C-alpha atoms as a PDB file:
ATOM      1  CA  UNK A   1       0.000   0.000   0.000  1.00  0.00           C
ATOM      2  CA  UNK A   2       1.248   3.485  -0.781  1.00  0.00           C
ATOM      3  CA  UNK A   3       1.829   5.616   2.288  1.00  0.00           C
ATOM      4  CA  UNK A   4      -0.890   7.947   1.114  1.00  0.00           C
ATOM      5  CA  UNK A   5      -3.712   6.978  -1.174  1.00  0.00           C
ATOM      6  CA  UNK A   6      -6.254   9.687  -1.937  1.00  0.00           C
ATOM      7  CA  UNK A   7      -9.191   9.397  -4.300  1.00  0.00           C
ATOM      8  CA  UNK A   8     -11.718  11.931  -5.553  1.00  0.00           C
ATOM      9  CA  UNK A   9     -14.330   9.262  -6.113  1.00  0.00           C
ATOM     10  CA  UNK A  10     -15.458   8.835  -2.510  1.00  0.00           C
ATOM     11  CA  UNK A  11     -15.858  10.776   0.694  1.00  0.00           C
ATOM     12  CA  UNK A  12     -14.725   8.192   3.227  1.00  0.00           C
ATOM     13  CA  UNK A  13     -11.390   8.663   4.981  1.00  0.00           C
ATOM     14  CA  UNK A  14      -9.410   6.323   7.246  1.00  0.00           C
ATOM     15  CA  UNK A  15      -6.532   8.007   9.032  1.00  0.00           C
ATOM     16  CA  UNK A  16      -3.662   6.087  10.622  1.00  0.00           C
ATOM     17  CA  UNK A  17      -1.658   7.535  13.499  1.00  0.00           C
ATOM     18  CA  UNK A  18       1.741   5.831  13.717  1.00  0.00           C
ATOM     19  CA  UNK A  19       3.258   6.169  17.186  1.00  0.00           C
ATOM     20  CA  UNK A  20       6.437   4.235  16.478  1.00  0.00           C
ATOM     21  CA  UNK A  21       9.746   6.037  15.877  1.00  0.00           C
ATOM     22  CA  UNK A  22      10.432   3.360  13.250  1.00  0.00           C
ATOM     23  CA  UNK A  23       8.701   4.275  10.025  1.00  0.00           C
ATOM     24  CA  UNK A  24       8.723   0.608   8.951  1.00  0.00           C
ATOM     25  CA  UNK A  25       8.326  -0.825  12.446  1.00  0.00           C
ATOM     26  CA  UNK A  26       6.103  -3.717  13.449  1.00  0.00           C
ATOM     27  CA  UNK A  27       3.150  -1.709  14.743  1.00  0.00           C
ATOM     28  CA  UNK A  28       3.271   0.624  11.742  1.00  0.00           C
ATOM     29  CA  UNK A  29       3.362  -2.316   9.337  1.00  0.00           C
ATOM     30  CA  UNK A  30       0.219  -3.773  10.925  1.00  0.00           C
ATOM     31  CA  UNK A  31      -1.346  -0.326  10.700  1.00  0.00           C
ATOM     32  CA  UNK A  32      -0.602  -0.260   6.976  1.00  0.00           C
ATOM     33  CA  UNK A  33      -2.209  -3.672   6.528  1.00  0.00           C
ATOM     34  CA  UNK A  34      -5.349  -2.431   8.282  1.00  0.00           C
ATOM     35  CA  UNK A  35      -5.519   0.695   6.122  1.00  0.00           C
ATOM     36  CA  UNK A  36      -4.933  -1.424   3.035  1.00  0.00           C
ATOM     37  CA  UNK A  37      -8.114  -3.281   3.952  1.00  0.00           C
ATOM     38  CA  UNK A  38     -10.113  -0.059   4.197  1.00  0.00           C
ATOM     39  CA  UNK A  39      -8.728   1.109   0.847  1.00  0.00           C
ATOM     40  CA  UNK A  40      -9.923  -2.118  -0.780  1.00  0.00           C
ATOM     41  CA  UNK A  41     -13.443  -1.089   0.194  1.00  0.00           C
ATOM     42  CA  UNK A  42     -12.935   2.355  -1.321  1.00  0.00           C
ATOM     43  CA  UNK A  43     -11.743   4.506   1.561  1.00  0.00           C
ATOM     44  CA  UNK A  44      -9.142   7.212   1.160  1.00  0.00           C
ATOM     45  CA  UNK A  45      -6.235   6.489   3.508  1.00  0.00           C
ATOM     46  CA  UNK A  46      -3.549   8.604   5.098  1.00  0.00           C
ATOM     47  CA  UNK A  47      -0.825   7.811   7.638  1.00  0.00           C
ATOM     48  CA  UNK A  48       0.508  10.428  10.040  1.00  0.00           C
ATOM     49  CA  UNK A  49       3.997   9.572  11.289  1.00  0.00           C
ATOM     50  CA  UNK A  50       4.150  11.316  14.653  1.00  0.00           C
ATOM     51  CA  UNK A  51       7.911  10.946  14.893  1.00  0.00           C
ATOM     52  CA  UNK A  52       8.263  13.251  11.880  1.00  0.00           C
ATOM     53  CA  UNK A  53       6.341  16.048  13.620  1.00  0.00           C
ATOM     54  CA  UNK A  54       7.363  18.642  16.181  1.00  0.00           C
ATOM     55  CA  UNK A  55       4.703  19.236  18.818  1.00  0.00           C
ATOM     56  CA  UNK A  56       4.175  20.008  22.479  1.00  0.00           C
ATOM     57  CA  UNK A  57       2.166  18.183  25.072  1.00  0.00           C
ATOM     58  CA  UNK A  58      -1.108  19.540  26.444  1.00  0.00           C
ATOM     59  CA  UNK A  59      -0.377  22.651  28.548  1.00  0.00           C
ATOM     60  CA  UNK A  60      -3.382  22.245  30.858  1.00  0.00           C
ATOM     61  CA  UNK A  61      -4.494  25.813  30.133  1.00  0.00           C
ATOM     62  CA  UNK A  62      -8.192  24.802  29.940  1.00  0.00           C
ATOM     63  CA  UNK A  63      -8.829  27.016  26.909  1.00  0.00           C
ATOM     64  CA  UNK A  64     -10.704  24.132  25.275  1.00  0.00           C
ATOM     65  CA  UNK A  65     -12.752  23.633  28.451  1.00  0.00           C
ATOM     66  CA  UNK A  66     -13.929  27.233  28.055  1.00  0.00           C
ATOM     67  CA  UNK A  67     -14.844  26.653  24.405  1.00  0.00           C
ATOM     68  CA  UNK A  68     -11.770  28.378  22.977  1.00  0.00           C
ATOM     69  CA  UNK A  69      -9.387  27.046  20.360  1.00  0.00           C
ATOM     70  CA  UNK A  70      -6.206  25.338  21.496  1.00  0.00           C
ATOM     71  CA  UNK A  71      -3.528  27.950  22.090  1.00  0.00           C
ATOM     72  CA  UNK A  72      -0.705  25.742  20.805  1.00  0.00           C
ATOM     73  CA  UNK A  73       0.287  26.203  17.193  1.00  0.00           C
ATOM     74  CA  UNK A  74       2.611  23.455  16.000  1.00  0.00           C
ATOM     75  CA  UNK A  75       2.732  20.566  13.546  1.00  0.00           C
ATOM     76  CA  UNK A  76      -0.434  19.014  14.999  1.00  0.00           C
ATOM     77  CA  UNK A  77      -2.455  22.030  13.876  1.00  0.00           C
ATOM     78  CA  UNK A  78      -2.679  20.511  10.395  1.00  0.00           C
ATOM     79  CA  UNK A  79      -3.463  17.022  11.713  1.00  0.00           C
ATOM     80  CA  UNK A  80      -6.552  17.893  13.771  1.00  0.00           C
ATOM     81  CA  UNK A  81      -8.695  18.913  10.746  1.00  0.00           C
ATOM     82  CA  UNK A  82      -7.924  15.531   9.154  1.00  0.00           C
ATOM     83  CA  UNK A  83      -9.057  13.749  12.324  1.00  0.00           C
ATOM     84  CA  UNK A  84     -12.315  15.674  12.259  1.00  0.00           C
ATOM     85  CA  UNK A  85     -12.903  14.595   8.681  1.00  0.00           C
ATOM     86  CA  UNK A  86     -11.850  10.968   9.172  1.00  0.00           C
ATOM     87  CA  UNK A  87     -14.511   8.265   9.429  1.00  0.00           C
ATOM     88  CA  UNK A  88     -12.025   5.771  10.866  1.00  0.00           C
ATOM     89  CA  UNK A  89      -9.298   6.436  13.424  1.00  0.00           C
ATOM     90  CA  UNK A  90      -6.536   3.818  13.544  1.00  0.00           C
ATOM     91  CA  UNK A  91      -3.730   4.255  16.072  1.00  0.00           C
ATOM     92  CA  UNK A  92      -0.680   2.043  16.431  1.00  0.00           C
ATOM     93  CA  UNK A  93       2.248   1.923  18.820  1.00  0.00           C
ATOM     94  CA  UNK A  94       4.897  -0.374  20.224  1.00  0.00           C
ATOM     95  CA  UNK A  95       4.761  -0.960  23.975  1.00  0.00           C
ATOM     96  CA  UNK A  96       7.520   0.906  25.814  1.00  0.00           C
ATOM     97  CA  UNK A  97       7.869   0.565  29.596  1.00  0.00           C
ATOM     98  CA  UNK A  98       4.392  -0.973  29.859  1.00  0.00           C
ATOM     99  CA  UNK A  99       2.685   1.840  27.932  1.00  0.00           C
ATOM    100  CA  UNK A 100       2.272   3.271  24.445  1.00  0.00           C
ATOM    101  CA  UNK A 101       5.111   5.337  22.999  1.00  0.00           C
ATOM    102  CA  UNK A 102       5.677   8.870  24.234  1.00  0.00           C
ATOM    103  CA  UNK A 103       4.856  10.116  20.742  1.00  0.00           C
ATOM    104  CA  UNK A 104       1.356   8.614  20.842  1.00  0.00           C
ATOM    105  CA  UNK A 105       0.637   9.476  24.479  1.00  0.00           C
ATOM    106  CA  UNK A 106       1.587  13.131  23.978  1.00  0.00           C
ATOM    107  CA  UNK A 107      -0.499  13.258  20.798  1.00  0.00           C
ATOM    108  CA  UNK A 108      -3.531  11.707  22.493  1.00  0.00           C
ATOM    109  CA  UNK A 109      -3.308  14.177  25.377  1.00  0.00           C
ATOM    110  CA  UNK A 110      -3.606  16.978  22.827  1.00  0.00           C
ATOM    111  CA  UNK A 111      -6.996  15.600  21.749  1.00  0.00           C
ATOM    112  CA  UNK A 112      -8.511  16.855  24.992  1.00  0.00           C
ATOM    113  CA  UNK A 113     -10.266  19.626  23.076  1.00  0.00           C
ATOM    114  CA  UNK A 114     -12.524  17.049  21.399  1.00  0.00           C
ATOM    115  CA  UNK A 115     -14.010  16.050  24.746  1.00  0.00           C
ATOM    116  CA  UNK A 116     -15.628  19.454  25.278  1.00  0.00           C
ATOM    117  CA  UNK A 117     -18.550  21.162  23.590  1.00  0.00           C
ATOM    118  CA  UNK A 118     -18.663  22.633  21.021  1.00  0.00           C
ATOM    119  CA  UNK A 119     -15.552  20.810  19.786  1.00  0.00           C
ATOM    120  CA  UNK A 120     -16.893  17.260  20.017  1.00  0.00           C
ATOM    121  CA  UNK A 121     -17.009  15.245  16.836  1.00  0.00           C
ATOM    122  CA  UNK A 122     -20.214  14.476  14.983  1.00  0.00           C
ATOM    123  CA  UNK A 123     -21.434  11.347  13.256  1.00  0.00           C
ATOM    124  CA  UNK A 124     -20.770   7.619  13.173  1.00  0.00           C
ATOM    125  CA  UNK A 125     -17.143   6.496  13.153  1.00  0.00           C
ATOM    126  CA  UNK A 126     -15.042   3.407  13.715  1.00  0.00           C
ATOM    127  CA  UNK A 127     -11.723   3.009  15.499  1.00  0.00           C
ATOM    128  CA  UNK A 128      -8.911   0.607  16.270  1.00  0.00           C
ATOM    129  CA  UNK A 129      -5.873   0.651  18.583  1.00  0.00           C
ATOM    130  CA  UNK A 130      -2.956  -1.625  17.663  1.00  0.00           C
ATOM    131  CA  UNK A 131      -0.048  -2.373  20.011  1.00  0.00           C
ATOM    132  CA  UNK A 132       2.930  -4.665  19.487  1.00  0.00           C
ATOM    133  CA  UNK A 133       5.609  -5.836  21.897  1.00  0.00           C
ATOM    134  CA  UNK A 134       8.568  -8.172  22.224  1.00  0.00           C
ATOM    135  CA  UNK A 135       7.470 -10.331  25.151  1.00  0.00           C
ATOM    136  CA  UNK A 136       5.274 -13.412  25.205  1.00  0.00           C
ATOM    137  CA  UNK A 137       1.520 -12.649  25.406  1.00  0.00           C
ATOM    138  CA  UNK A 138       0.600 -10.378  28.297  1.00  0.00           C
ATOM    139  CA  UNK A 139      -2.988  -9.521  29.118  1.00  0.00           C
ATOM    140  CA  UNK A 140      -1.873  -6.234  30.621  1.00  0.00           C
ATOM    141  CA  UNK A 141      -0.669  -4.912  27.272  1.00  0.00           C
ATOM    142  CA  UNK A 142      -4.078  -5.536  25.736  1.00  0.00           C
ATOM    143  CA  UNK A 143      -5.491  -3.551  28.648  1.00  0.00           C
ATOM    144  CA  UNK A 144      -3.144  -0.650  27.823  1.00  0.00           C
ATOM    145  CA  UNK A 145      -4.655  -0.484  24.346  1.00  0.00           C
ATOM    146  CA  UNK A 146      -8.185  -0.978  25.697  1.00  0.00           C
ATOM    147  CA  UNK A 147      -7.829   1.916  28.124  1.00  0.00           C
ATOM    148  CA  UNK A 148      -6.851   4.208  25.260  1.00  0.00           C
ATOM    149  CA  UNK A 149      -9.718   2.906  23.131  1.00  0.00           C
ATOM    150  CA  UNK A 150     -12.227   3.711  25.869  1.00  0.00           C
ATOM    151  CA  UNK A 151     -11.611   7.420  25.394  1.00  0.00           C
ATOM    152  CA  UNK A 152     -12.627   7.460  21.723  1.00  0.00           C
ATOM    153  CA  UNK A 153     -16.329   7.790  22.519  1.00  0.00           C
ATOM    154  CA  UNK A 154     -15.644  10.640  24.935  1.00  0.00           C
ATOM    155  CA  UNK A 155     -14.769  12.651  21.868  1.00  0.00           C
ATOM    156  CA  UNK A 156     -17.823  12.070  19.739  1.00  0.00           C
ATOM    157  CA  UNK A 157     -21.510  12.985  19.913  1.00  0.00           C
ATOM    158  CA  UNK A 158     -22.025  10.235  17.364  1.00  0.00           C
ATOM    159  CA  UNK A 159     -20.672   6.792  18.025  1.00  0.00           C
ATOM    160  CA  UNK A 160     -17.380   4.987  17.412  1.00  0.00           C
ATOM    161  CA  UNK A 161     -19.199   1.792  18.369  1.00  0.00           C
ATOM    162  CA  UNK A 162     -16.850  -0.685  20.058  1.00  0.00           C
ATOM    163  CA  UNK A 163     -13.301   0.337  19.210  1.00  0.00           C
ATOM    164  CA  UNK A 164     -11.239  -2.691  18.184  1.00  0.00           C
ATOM    165  CA  UNK A 165      -8.136  -3.566  20.202  1.00  0.00           C
ATOM    166  CA  UNK A 166      -5.274  -5.568  18.708  1.00  0.00           C
ATOM    167  CA  UNK A 167      -2.395  -6.604  20.976  1.00  0.00           C
ATOM    168  CA  UNK A 168       0.309  -8.742  19.361  1.00  0.00           C
ATOM    169  CA  UNK A 169       3.275 -10.346  21.122  1.00  0.00           C
ATOM    170  CA  UNK A 170       6.717 -11.554  19.990  1.00  0.00           C
ATOM    171  CA  UNK A 171       7.163  -8.584  17.674  1.00  0.00           C
ATOM    172  CA  UNK A 172      10.220  -6.825  19.046  1.00  0.00           C
ATOM    173  CA  UNK A 173      13.015  -7.138  16.442  1.00  0.00           C
ATOM    174  CA  UNK A 174      12.955  -5.018  13.323  1.00  0.00           C
ATOM    175  CA  UNK A 175      10.881  -6.655  10.576  1.00  0.00           C
ATOM    176  CA  UNK A 176       9.524  -9.351  12.903  1.00  0.00           C
ATOM    177  CA  UNK A 177       6.143  -8.762  11.268  1.00  0.00           C
ATOM    178  CA  UNK A 178       7.453 -10.221   8.002  1.00  0.00           C
ATOM    179  CA  UNK A 179       7.579 -13.651   9.660  1.00  0.00           C
ATOM    180  CA  UNK A 180       3.884 -13.349  10.578  1.00  0.00           C
ATOM    181  CA  UNK A 181       1.920 -13.073   7.319  1.00  0.00           C
ATOM    182  CA  UNK A 182      -1.120 -14.224   9.273  1.00  0.00           C
ATOM    183  CA  UNK A 183      -1.137 -10.867  11.061  1.00  0.00           C
ATOM    184  CA  UNK A 184      -1.119  -8.980   7.777  1.00  0.00           C
ATOM    185  CA  UNK A 185      -4.179 -10.937   6.660  1.00  0.00           C
ATOM    186  CA  UNK A 186      -5.858 -10.484  10.043  1.00  0.00           C
ATOM    187  CA  UNK A 187      -5.451  -6.696  10.079  1.00  0.00           C
ATOM    188  CA  UNK A 188      -6.398  -6.328   6.433  1.00  0.00           C
ATOM    189  CA  UNK A 189      -9.612  -8.277   7.045  1.00  0.00           C
ATOM    190  CA  UNK A 190     -10.472  -6.155  10.079  1.00  0.00           C
ATOM    191  CA  UNK A 191     -10.000  -3.046   7.943  1.00  0.00           C
ATOM    192  CA  UNK A 192     -12.360  -4.437   5.324  1.00  0.00           C
ATOM    193  CA  UNK A 193     -14.874  -5.425   7.998  1.00  0.00           C
ATOM    194  CA  UNK A 194     -14.925  -2.052   9.765  1.00  0.00           C
ATOM    195  CA  UNK A 195     -15.042  -0.069   6.539  1.00  0.00           C
ATOM    196  CA  UNK A 196     -17.972  -2.101   5.198  1.00  0.00           C
ATOM    197  CA  UNK A 197     -19.778  -1.882   8.519  1.00  0.00           C
ATOM    198  CA  UNK A 198     -19.426   1.892   8.643  1.00  0.00           C
ATOM    199  CA  UNK A 199     -20.544   2.419   5.054  1.00  0.00           C
ATOM    200  CA  UNK A 200     -23.667   0.345   5.665  1.00  0.00           C
ATOM    201  CA  UNK A 201     -24.505   2.430   8.743  1.00  0.00           C
ATOM    202  CA  UNK A 202     -24.473   5.740   6.849  1.00  0.00           C
END
């Protein structure tokens, strides 16, 4: 799949947020497979590589709580409009020190403005959180992804429905994903499934 595939023939957009510092890392590769599935259904797709951006964490100024625009102007200023437009949010990260990467956590904190009126999102959406890690299967790491997924519906007057959570073990070394073609198929099929489900609901 090309890193960015845009089409004028449809109005559906799936946006991928890559939290890994490795552009071709394991979590990002699974993210691409998922987006490839949505593109097969006809969605436009775009990946945002957070490690390529320069941005601050939330400053706790409460401007968004008071209905004002975020006071921070940085590289995320061009990402937020895409998130508002996107019908599907897909986020992916390796597990570092029992949590998602600093890049993804800092980014997600900046989405606080979408939890307050009048900035909440509108309309039906779908979402997925993908995490990968080097260890043998650990239930806790699935819970890390699930906790993040729980916040999606805080941000939307519509409904993300049940956000999918994918937690995959034994994926630490570079290119470990290449030895697991089953995961590529799995994520691609989930992308197809969620895209079809969303289109039928609209």
